[in-house]
All heavy atoms as atom14 arrays in JSON, in Angstrom:
{
  "sequence": "WGLEGDAHAGKWHRQVSLLSGEKIDAFRAKGAEVEDGAFGE",
  "atom14_mask": [
    [1, 1, 1, 1, 1, 1, 1, 1, 1, 1, 1, 1, 1, 1],
    [1, 1, 1, 1, 0, 0, 0, 0, 0, 0, 0, 0, 0, 0],
    [1, 1, 1, 1, 1, 1, 1, 1, 0, 0, 0, 0, 0, 0],
    [1, 1, 1, 1, 1, 1, 1, 1, 1, 0, 0, 0, 0, 0],
    [1, 1, 1, 1, 0, 0, 0, 0, 0, 0, 0, 0, 0, 0],
    [1, 1, 1, 1, 1, 1, 1, 1, 0, 0, 0, 0, 0, 0],
    [1, 1, 1, 1, 1, 0, 0, 0, 0, 0, 0, 0, 0, 0],
    [1, 1, 1, 1, 1, 1, 1, 1, 1, 1, 0, 0, 0, 0],
    [1, 1, 1, 1, 1, 0, 0, 0, 0, 0, 0, 0, 0, 0],
    [1, 1, 1, 1, 0, 0, 0, 0, 0, 0, 0, 0, 0, 0],
    [1, 1, 1, 1, 1, 1, 1, 1, 1, 0, 0, 0, 0, 0],
    [1, 1, 1, 1, 1, 1, 1, 1, 1, 1, 1, 1, 1, 1],
    [1, 1, 1, 1, 1, 1, 1, 1, 1, 1, 0, 0, 0, 0],
    [1, 1, 1, 1, 1, 1, 1, 1, 1, 1, 1, 0, 0, 0],
    [1, 1, 1, 1, 1, 1, 1, 1, 1, 0, 0, 0, 0, 0],
    [1, 1, 1, 1, 1, 1, 1, 0, 0, 0, 0, 0, 0, 0],
    [1, 1, 1, 1, 1, 1, 0, 0, 0, 0, 0, 0, 0, 0],
    [1, 1, 1, 1, 1, 1, 1, 1, 0, 0, 0, 0, 0, 0],
    [1, 1, 1, 1, 1, 1, 1, 1, 0, 0, 0, 0, 0, 0],
    [1, 1, 1, 1, 1, 1, 0, 0, 0, 0, 0, 0, 0, 0],
    [1, 1, 1, 1, 0, 0, 0, 0, 0, 0, 0, 0, 0, 0],
    [1, 1, 1, 1, 1, 1, 1, 1, 1, 0, 0, 0, 0, 0],
    [1, 1, 1, 1, 1, 1, 1, 1, 1, 0, 0, 0, 0, 0],
    [1, 1, 1, 1, 1, 1, 1, 1, 0, 0, 0, 0, 0, 0],
    [1, 1, 1, 1, 1, 1, 1, 1, 0, 0, 0, 0, 0, 0],
    [1, 1, 1, 1, 1, 0, 0, 0, 0, 0, 0, 0, 0, 0],
    [1, 1, 1, 1, 1, 1, 1, 1, 1, 1, 1, 0, 0, 0],
    [1, 1, 1, 1, 1, 1, 1, 1, 1, 1, 1, 0, 0, 0],
    [1, 1, 1, 1, 1, 0, 0, 0, 0, 0, 0, 0, 0, 0],
    [1, 1, 1, 1, 1, 1, 1, 1, 1, 0, 0, 0, 0, 0],
    [1, 1, 1, 1, 0, 0, 0, 0, 0, 0, 0, 0, 0, 0],
    [1, 1, 1, 1, 1, 0, 0, 0, 0, 0, 0, 0, 0, 0],
    [1, 1, 1, 1, 1, 1, 1, 1, 1, 0, 0, 0, 0, 0],
    [1, 1, 1, 1, 1, 1, 1, 0, 0, 0, 0, 0, 0, 0],
    [1, 1, 1, 1, 1, 1, 1, 1, 1, 0, 0, 0, 0, 0],
    [1, 1, 1, 1, 1, 1, 1, 1, 0, 0, 0, 0, 0, 0],
    [1, 1, 1, 1, 0, 0, 0, 0, 0, 0, 0, 0, 0, 0],
    [1, 1, 1, 1, 1, 0, 0, 0, 0, 0, 0, 0, 0, 0],
    [1, 1, 1, 1, 1, 1, 1, 1, 1, 1, 1, 0, 0, 0],
    [1, 1, 1, 1, 0, 0, 0, 0, 0, 0, 0, 0, 0, 0],
    [1, 1, 1, 1, 1, 1, 1, 1, 1, 0, 0, 0, 0, 0]
  ],
  "atom14_positions": [
    [[-5.88, -28.93, -7.19], [-5.7, -29.22, -5.77], [-4.34, -28.85, -5.26], [-4.13, -27.99, -4.41], [-5.98, -30.66, -5.51], [-6.01, -31.04, -4.07], [-4.97, -31.69, -3.37], [-7.04, -30.75, -3.15], [-5.36, -31.81, -2.07], [-6.55, -31.22, -1.86], [-8.23, -30.1, -3.25], [-7.38, -31.09, -0.68], [-8.98, -29.95, -2.06], [-8.59, -30.49, -0.79]],
    [[-3.31, -29.48, -5.81], [-1.94, -29.2, -5.33], [-1.2, -30.49, -5.21], [-1.51, -31.5, -5.95], [0.0, 0.0, 0.0], [0.0, 0.0, 0.0], [0.0, 0.0, 0.0], [0.0, 0.0, 0.0], [0.0, 0.0, 0.0], [0.0, 0.0, 0.0], [0.0, 0.0, 0.0], [0.0, 0.0, 0.0], [0.0, 0.0, 0.0], [0.0, 0.0, 0.0]],
    [[-0.13, -30.54, -4.36], [0.7, -31.69, -4.16], [-0.03, -32.65, -3.22], [-0.52, -32.25, -2.15], [2.04, -31.3, -3.57], [3.11, -30.79, -4.57], [2.82, -29.39, -5.05], [4.5, -30.85, -3.95], [0.0, 0.0, 0.0], [0.0, 0.0, 0.0], [0.0, 0.0, 0.0], [0.0, 0.0, 0.0], [0.0, 0.0, 0.0], [0.0, 0.0, 0.0]],
    [[-0.05, -33.91, -3.59], [-0.61, -34.93, -2.7], [0.13, -34.98, -1.44], [1.37, -35.16, -1.47], [-0.55, -36.21, -3.51], [-1.47, -37.34, -3.0], [-1.46, -38.56, -3.88], [-0.5, -39.27, -3.79], [-2.39, -38.67, -4.69], [0.0, 0.0, 0.0], [0.0, 0.0, 0.0], [0.0, 0.0, 0.0], [0.0, 0.0, 0.0], [0.0, 0.0, 0.0]],
    [[-0.61, -34.86, -0.38], [0.02, -34.93, 1.0], [0.48, -33.67, 1.54], [0.95, -33.54, 2.64], [0.0, 0.0, 0.0], [0.0, 0.0, 0.0], [0.0, 0.0, 0.0], [0.0, 0.0, 0.0], [0.0, 0.0, 0.0], [0.0, 0.0, 0.0], [0.0, 0.0, 0.0], [0.0, 0.0, 0.0], [0.0, 0.0, 0.0], [0.0, 0.0, 0.0]],
    [[0.37, -32.52, 0.78], [0.79, -31.23, 1.23], [-0.37, -30.53, 1.92], [-1.48, -30.42, 1.39], [1.23, -30.33, 0.09], [1.86, -29.05, 0.57], [2.73, -29.1, 1.44], [1.46, -27.94, 0.09], [0.0, 0.0, 0.0], [0.0, 0.0, 0.0], [0.0, 0.0, 0.0], [0.0, 0.0, 0.0], [0.0, 0.0, 0.0], [0.0, 0.0, 0.0]],
    [[-0.11, -29.98, 3.11], [-1.19, -29.34, 3.99], [-1.78, -28.14, 3.29], [-2.82, -27.71, 3.65], [-0.58, -29.02, 5.32], [0.0, 0.0, 0.0], [0.0, 0.0, 0.0], [0.0, 0.0, 0.0], [0.0, 0.0, 0.0], [0.0, 0.0, 0.0], [0.0, 0.0, 0.0], [0.0, 0.0, 0.0], [0.0, 0.0, 0.0], [0.0, 0.0, 0.0]],
    [[-0.99, -27.5, 2.36], [-1.52, -26.25, 1.79], [-2.26, -26.41, 0.5], [-2.64, -25.52, -0.16], [-0.36, -25.26, 1.59], [0.33, -24.79, 2.88], [1.35, -25.55, 3.46], [0.1, -23.81, 3.68], [1.64, -24.91, 4.59], [0.91, -23.89, 4.72], [0.0, 0.0, 0.0], [0.0, 0.0, 0.0], [0.0, 0.0, 0.0], [0.0, 0.0, 0.0]],
    [[-2.34, -27.75, 0.05], [-3.2, -28.02, -1.14], [-4.66, -27.69, -0.89], [-5.12, -27.74, 0.29], [-2.95, -29.46, -1.58], [0.0, 0.0, 0.0], [0.0, 0.0, 0.0], [0.0, 0.0, 0.0], [0.0, 0.0, 0.0], [0.0, 0.0, 0.0], [0.0, 0.0, 0.0], [0.0, 0.0, 0.0], [0.0, 0.0, 0.0], [0.0, 0.0, 0.0]],
    [[-5.39, -27.47, -1.96], [-6.78, -27.17, -1.79], [-7.34, -26.49, -2.97], [-6.66, -26.11, -3.93], [0.0, 0.0, 0.0], [0.0, 0.0, 0.0], [0.0, 0.0, 0.0], [0.0, 0.0, 0.0], [0.0, 0.0, 0.0], [0.0, 0.0, 0.0], [0.0, 0.0, 0.0], [0.0, 0.0, 0.0], [0.0, 0.0, 0.0], [0.0, 0.0, 0.0]],
    [[-8.63, -26.25, -3.01], [-9.33, -25.63, -4.13], [-9.26, -24.1, -3.92], [-10.25, -23.46, -3.52], [-10.74, -26.06, -4.25], [-10.88, -27.48, -4.9], [-12.3, -27.83, -5.17], [-12.35, -29.14, -5.9], [-11.82, -29.11, -7.29], [0.0, 0.0, 0.0], [0.0, 0.0, 0.0], [0.0, 0.0, 0.0], [0.0, 0.0, 0.0], [0.0, 0.0, 0.0]],
    [[-8.1, -23.55, -4.17], [-7.85, -22.12, -4.07], [-6.74, -21.73, -5.1], [-6.27, -22.62, -5.84], [-7.51, -21.66, -2.59], [-6.22, -22.19, -2.02], [-5.64, -23.4, -2.22], [-5.37, -21.45, -1.16], [-4.48, -23.47, -1.47], [-4.29, -22.3, -0.86], [-5.41, -20.12, -0.64], [-3.2, -21.89, 0.0], [-4.38, -19.75, 0.21], [-3.28, -20.65, 0.5]],
    [[-6.36, -20.47, -5.05], [-5.5, -19.99, -6.12], [-3.97, -20.23, -5.78], [-3.16, -20.03, -6.66], [-5.72, -18.5, -6.43], [-5.36, -17.59, -5.32], [-5.99, -17.6, -4.08], [-4.31, -16.69, -5.16], [-5.46, -16.66, -3.26], [-4.43, -16.13, -3.93], [0.0, 0.0, 0.0], [0.0, 0.0, 0.0], [0.0, 0.0, 0.0], [0.0, 0.0, 0.0]],
    [[-3.68, -20.59, -4.54], [-2.32, -20.82, -4.13], [-2.02, -22.28, -3.82], [-1.67, -22.68, -2.75], [-1.92, -19.95, -2.95], [-1.78, -18.52, -3.37], [-1.8, -17.49, -2.14], [-1.13, -17.9, -0.98], [-1.05, -17.2, 0.12], [-1.67, -16.0, 0.14], [-0.42, -17.57, 1.17], [0.0, 0.0, 0.0], [0.0, 0.0, 0.0], [0.0, 0.0, 0.0]],
    [[-2.2, -23.12, -4.89], [-2.06, -24.58, -4.65], [-0.62, -25.04, -4.64], [-0.29, -25.96, -3.87], [-2.8, -25.27, -5.8], [-4.33, -25.04, -5.77], [-5.01, -25.54, -6.94], [-4.42, -25.98, -7.96], [-6.38, -25.51, -6.9], [0.0, 0.0, 0.0], [0.0, 0.0, 0.0], [0.0, 0.0, 0.0], [0.0, 0.0, 0.0], [0.0, 0.0, 0.0]],
    [[0.26, -24.43, -5.38], [1.66, -24.78, -5.48], [2.53, -23.55, -5.45], [2.32, -22.61, -6.32], [2.03, -25.64, -6.74], [3.44, -26.04, -6.78], [1.11, -26.88, -6.82], [0.0, 0.0, 0.0], [0.0, 0.0, 0.0], [0.0, 0.0, 0.0], [0.0, 0.0, 0.0], [0.0, 0.0, 0.0], [0.0, 0.0, 0.0], [0.0, 0.0, 0.0]],
    [[3.52, -23.46, -4.64], [4.45, -22.34, -4.56], [5.78, -22.7, -5.18], [6.28, -23.79, -5.08], [4.61, -21.9, -3.1], [5.07, -22.95, -2.33], [0.0, 0.0, 0.0], [0.0, 0.0, 0.0], [0.0, 0.0, 0.0], [0.0, 0.0, 0.0], [0.0, 0.0, 0.0], [0.0, 0.0, 0.0], [0.0, 0.0, 0.0], [0.0, 0.0, 0.0]],
    [[6.35, -21.69, -5.84], [7.69, -21.9, -6.58], [8.63, -20.78, -6.19], [8.24, -19.65, -5.99], [7.43, -21.93, -8.0], [6.56, -23.02, -8.64], [5.08, -22.56, -8.74], [7.01, -23.44, -10.08], [0.0, 0.0, 0.0], [0.0, 0.0, 0.0], [0.0, 0.0, 0.0], [0.0, 0.0, 0.0], [0.0, 0.0, 0.0], [0.0, 0.0, 0.0]],
    [[9.91, -21.15, -6.21], [10.94, -20.19, -5.86], [12.16, -20.55, -6.76], [12.48, -21.73, -6.94], [11.32, -20.24, -4.37], [12.14, -19.13, -3.75], [11.5, -17.77, -3.99], [12.3, -19.38, -2.26], [0.0, 0.0, 0.0], [0.0, 0.0, 0.0], [0.0, 0.0, 0.0], [0.0, 0.0, 0.0], [0.0, 0.0, 0.0], [0.0, 0.0, 0.0]],
    [[12.84, -19.48, -7.28], [13.96, -19.76, -8.13], [15.14, -20.17, -7.25], [15.5, -19.62, -6.26], [14.37, -18.5, -8.86], [13.29, -18.04, -9.71], [0.0, 0.0, 0.0], [0.0, 0.0, 0.0], [0.0, 0.0, 0.0], [0.0, 0.0, 0.0], [0.0, 0.0, 0.0], [0.0, 0.0, 0.0], [0.0, 0.0, 0.0], [0.0, 0.0, 0.0]],
    [[15.86, -21.22, -7.76], [16.99, -21.75, -7.09], [18.14, -20.67, -6.89], [18.8, -20.57, -5.89], [0.0, 0.0, 0.0], [0.0, 0.0, 0.0], [0.0, 0.0, 0.0], [0.0, 0.0, 0.0], [0.0, 0.0, 0.0], [0.0, 0.0, 0.0], [0.0, 0.0, 0.0], [0.0, 0.0, 0.0], [0.0, 0.0, 0.0], [0.0, 0.0, 0.0]],
    [[18.26, -19.81, -7.96], [19.32, -18.78, -7.89], [19.0, -17.72, -6.8], [19.96, -17.21, -6.18], [19.34, -18.07, -9.25], [19.9, -18.93, -10.37], [18.86, -19.83, -11.06], [17.74, -19.9, -10.54], [19.22, -20.44, -12.08], [0.0, 0.0, 0.0], [0.0, 0.0, 0.0], [0.0, 0.0, 0.0], [0.0, 0.0, 0.0], [0.0, 0.0, 0.0]],
    [[17.72, -17.49, -6.54], [17.38, -16.53, -5.47], [17.73, -17.14, -4.13], [18.15, -16.42, -3.17], [15.9, -16.25, -5.5], [15.45, -15.61, -6.88], [16.18, -14.31, -7.2], [15.69, -13.81, -8.56], [16.41, -12.53, -8.97], [0.0, 0.0, 0.0], [0.0, 0.0, 0.0], [0.0, 0.0, 0.0], [0.0, 0.0, 0.0], [0.0, 0.0, 0.0]],
    [[17.52, -18.45, -3.93], [17.89, -19.07, -2.61], [19.38, -19.08, -2.48], [19.93, -18.78, -1.38], [17.32, -20.51, -2.62], [15.78, -20.46, -2.69], [17.75, -21.21, -1.34], [15.15, -21.86, -2.73], [0.0, 0.0, 0.0], [0.0, 0.0, 0.0], [0.0, 0.0, 0.0], [0.0, 0.0, 0.0], [0.0, 0.0, 0.0], [0.0, 0.0, 0.0]],
    [[20.16, -19.33, -3.56], [21.6, -19.33, -3.46], [22.15, -18.02, -3.04], [23.07, -17.87, -2.32], [22.22, -19.81, -4.85], [22.0, -21.3, -5.06], [21.67, -22.09, -4.11], [22.08, -21.73, -6.21], [0.0, 0.0, 0.0], [0.0, 0.0, 0.0], [0.0, 0.0, 0.0], [0.0, 0.0, 0.0], [0.0, 0.0, 0.0], [0.0, 0.0, 0.0]],
    [[21.55, -16.98, -3.67], [22.02, -15.61, -3.39], [21.76, -15.23, -1.92], [22.53, -14.57, -1.31], [21.31, -14.56, -4.28], [0.0, 0.0, 0.0], [0.0, 0.0, 0.0], [0.0, 0.0, 0.0], [0.0, 0.0, 0.0], [0.0, 0.0, 0.0], [0.0, 0.0, 0.0], [0.0, 0.0, 0.0], [0.0, 0.0, 0.0], [0.0, 0.0, 0.0]],
    [[20.62, -15.76, -1.39], [20.28, -15.55, 0.0], [21.24, -16.27, 0.94], [21.65, -15.74, 1.91], [18.83, -15.97, 0.26], [18.26, -15.46, 1.56], [17.97, -14.1, 1.75], [17.96, -16.36, 2.61], [17.45, -13.6, 2.89], [17.41, -15.87, 3.76], [17.17, -14.51, 3.89], [0.0, 0.0, 0.0], [0.0, 0.0, 0.0], [0.0, 0.0, 0.0]],
    [[21.59, -17.47, 0.53], [22.54, -18.23, 1.31], [23.89, -17.58, 1.35], [24.67, -17.65, 2.32], [22.64, -19.68, 0.76], [21.48, -20.6, 1.03], [21.57, -21.87, 0.28], [20.37, -22.75, 0.61], [19.94, -23.71, -0.19], [20.48, -23.82, -1.42], [18.95, -24.44, 0.16], [0.0, 0.0, 0.0], [0.0, 0.0, 0.0], [0.0, 0.0, 0.0]],
    [[24.24, -17.01, 0.2], [25.57, -16.29, 0.14], [25.65, -15.08, 1.08], [26.81, -14.73, 1.47], [25.83, -15.76, -1.24], [0.0, 0.0, 0.0], [0.0, 0.0, 0.0], [0.0, 0.0, 0.0], [0.0, 0.0, 0.0], [0.0, 0.0, 0.0], [0.0, 0.0, 0.0], [0.0, 0.0, 0.0], [0.0, 0.0, 0.0], [0.0, 0.0, 0.0]],
    [[24.59, -14.66, 1.62], [24.6, -13.58, 2.65], [24.8, -14.15, 4.06], [24.84, -13.36, 5.04], [23.28, -12.84, 2.63], [23.03, -12.11, 1.31], [21.71, -11.3, 1.32], [21.46, -10.6, 0.07], [20.15, -9.84, 0.09], [0.0, 0.0, 0.0], [0.0, 0.0, 0.0], [0.0, 0.0, 0.0], [0.0, 0.0, 0.0], [0.0, 0.0, 0.0]],
    [[24.9, -15.47, 4.16], [25.13, -16.13, 5.41], [23.98, -16.88, 5.99], [24.03, -17.44, 7.11], [0.0, 0.0, 0.0], [0.0, 0.0, 0.0], [0.0, 0.0, 0.0], [0.0, 0.0, 0.0], [0.0, 0.0, 0.0], [0.0, 0.0, 0.0], [0.0, 0.0, 0.0], [0.0, 0.0, 0.0], [0.0, 0.0, 0.0], [0.0, 0.0, 0.0]],
    [[22.9, -16.98, 5.26], [21.69, -17.61, 5.79], [21.85, -19.09, 5.55], [22.26, -19.59, 4.49], [20.51, -17.15, 4.98], [0.0, 0.0, 0.0], [0.0, 0.0, 0.0], [0.0, 0.0, 0.0], [0.0, 0.0, 0.0], [0.0, 0.0, 0.0], [0.0, 0.0, 0.0], [0.0, 0.0, 0.0], [0.0, 0.0, 0.0], [0.0, 0.0, 0.0]],
    [[21.51, -19.89, 6.59], [21.5, -21.29, 6.55], [20.06, -21.81, 6.43], [19.29, -21.95, 7.36], [22.19, -21.96, 7.8], [23.66, -21.57, 7.92], [24.21, -22.17, 9.21], [23.55, -22.91, 9.96], [25.46, -21.85, 9.44], [0.0, 0.0, 0.0], [0.0, 0.0, 0.0], [0.0, 0.0, 0.0], [0.0, 0.0, 0.0], [0.0, 0.0, 0.0]],
    [[19.65, -21.97, 5.19], [18.29, -22.39, 4.88], [18.28, -23.61, 4.0], [19.03, -23.81, 3.08], [17.49, -21.21, 4.21], [17.25, -20.08, 5.14], [18.19, -20.8, 2.93], [0.0, 0.0, 0.0], [0.0, 0.0, 0.0], [0.0, 0.0, 0.0], [0.0, 0.0, 0.0], [0.0, 0.0, 0.0], [0.0, 0.0, 0.0], [0.0, 0.0, 0.0]],
    [[17.43, -24.54, 4.45], [17.2, -25.73, 3.65], [16.07, -25.56, 2.56], [15.26, -24.55, 2.68], [16.82, -26.93, 4.59], [17.85, -27.26, 5.62], [17.38, -28.35, 6.55], [16.11, -28.76, 6.43], [18.11, -28.8, 7.38], [0.0, 0.0, 0.0], [0.0, 0.0, 0.0], [0.0, 0.0, 0.0], [0.0, 0.0, 0.0], [0.0, 0.0, 0.0]],
    [[16.01, -26.43, 1.58], [14.97, -26.34, 0.58], [13.62, -26.54, 1.37], [13.53, -27.44, 2.2], [15.14, -27.45, -0.42], [16.37, -27.22, -1.27], [16.74, -26.08, -1.56], [16.96, -28.29, -1.75], [0.0, 0.0, 0.0], [0.0, 0.0, 0.0], [0.0, 0.0, 0.0], [0.0, 0.0, 0.0], [0.0, 0.0, 0.0], [0.0, 0.0, 0.0]],
    [[12.68, -25.66, 1.01], [11.4, -25.74, 1.69], [11.22, -24.73, 2.86], [10.18, -24.6, 3.38], [0.0, 0.0, 0.0], [0.0, 0.0, 0.0], [0.0, 0.0, 0.0], [0.0, 0.0, 0.0], [0.0, 0.0, 0.0], [0.0, 0.0, 0.0], [0.0, 0.0, 0.0], [0.0, 0.0, 0.0], [0.0, 0.0, 0.0], [0.0, 0.0, 0.0]],
    [[12.37, -24.1, 3.25], [12.36, -23.24, 4.41], [11.46, -22.05, 4.19], [10.96, -21.46, 5.21], [13.78, -22.8, 4.75], [0.0, 0.0, 0.0], [0.0, 0.0, 0.0], [0.0, 0.0, 0.0], [0.0, 0.0, 0.0], [0.0, 0.0, 0.0], [0.0, 0.0, 0.0], [0.0, 0.0, 0.0], [0.0, 0.0, 0.0], [0.0, 0.0, 0.0]],
    [[11.3, -21.6, 2.98], [10.54, -20.41, 2.7], [9.0, -20.74, 2.42], [8.25, -19.9, 2.12], [11.02, -19.61, 1.44], [12.42, -19.12, 1.64], [13.51, -19.78, 1.16], [12.65, -17.95, 2.34], [14.81, -19.32, 1.35], [13.94, -17.38, 2.52], [14.98, -18.15, 2.05], [0.0, 0.0, 0.0], [0.0, 0.0, 0.0], [0.0, 0.0, 0.0]],
    [[8.72, -22.08, 2.53], [7.34, -22.55, 2.3], [7.09, -22.87, 0.83], [5.99, -23.12, 0.48], [0.0, 0.0, 0.0], [0.0, 0.0, 0.0], [0.0, 0.0, 0.0], [0.0, 0.0, 0.0], [0.0, 0.0, 0.0], [0.0, 0.0, 0.0], [0.0, 0.0, 0.0], [0.0, 0.0, 0.0], [0.0, 0.0, 0.0], [0.0, 0.0, 0.0]],
    [[8.23, -22.97, 0.12], [8.03, -23.28, -1.39], [7.85, -24.76, -1.58], [8.5, -25.6, -0.91], [9.23, -22.76, -2.16], [10.54, -23.56, -2.03], [11.32, -23.22, -0.77], [10.81, -22.45, 0.11], [12.5, -23.56, -0.67], [0.0, 0.0, 0.0], [0.0, 0.0, 0.0], [0.0, 0.0, 0.0], [0.0, 0.0, 0.0], [0.0, 0.0, 0.0]]
  ]
}
């Protein structure tokens, strides 16, 4: 299913999304102000 309470949970192949913390940090280093979850992860 996915995460309890998450709108994107369901009986499909994209139940939980993941992103590497290092990739977010590298993106922030370019000047982006993004919070955790901003990419839909």
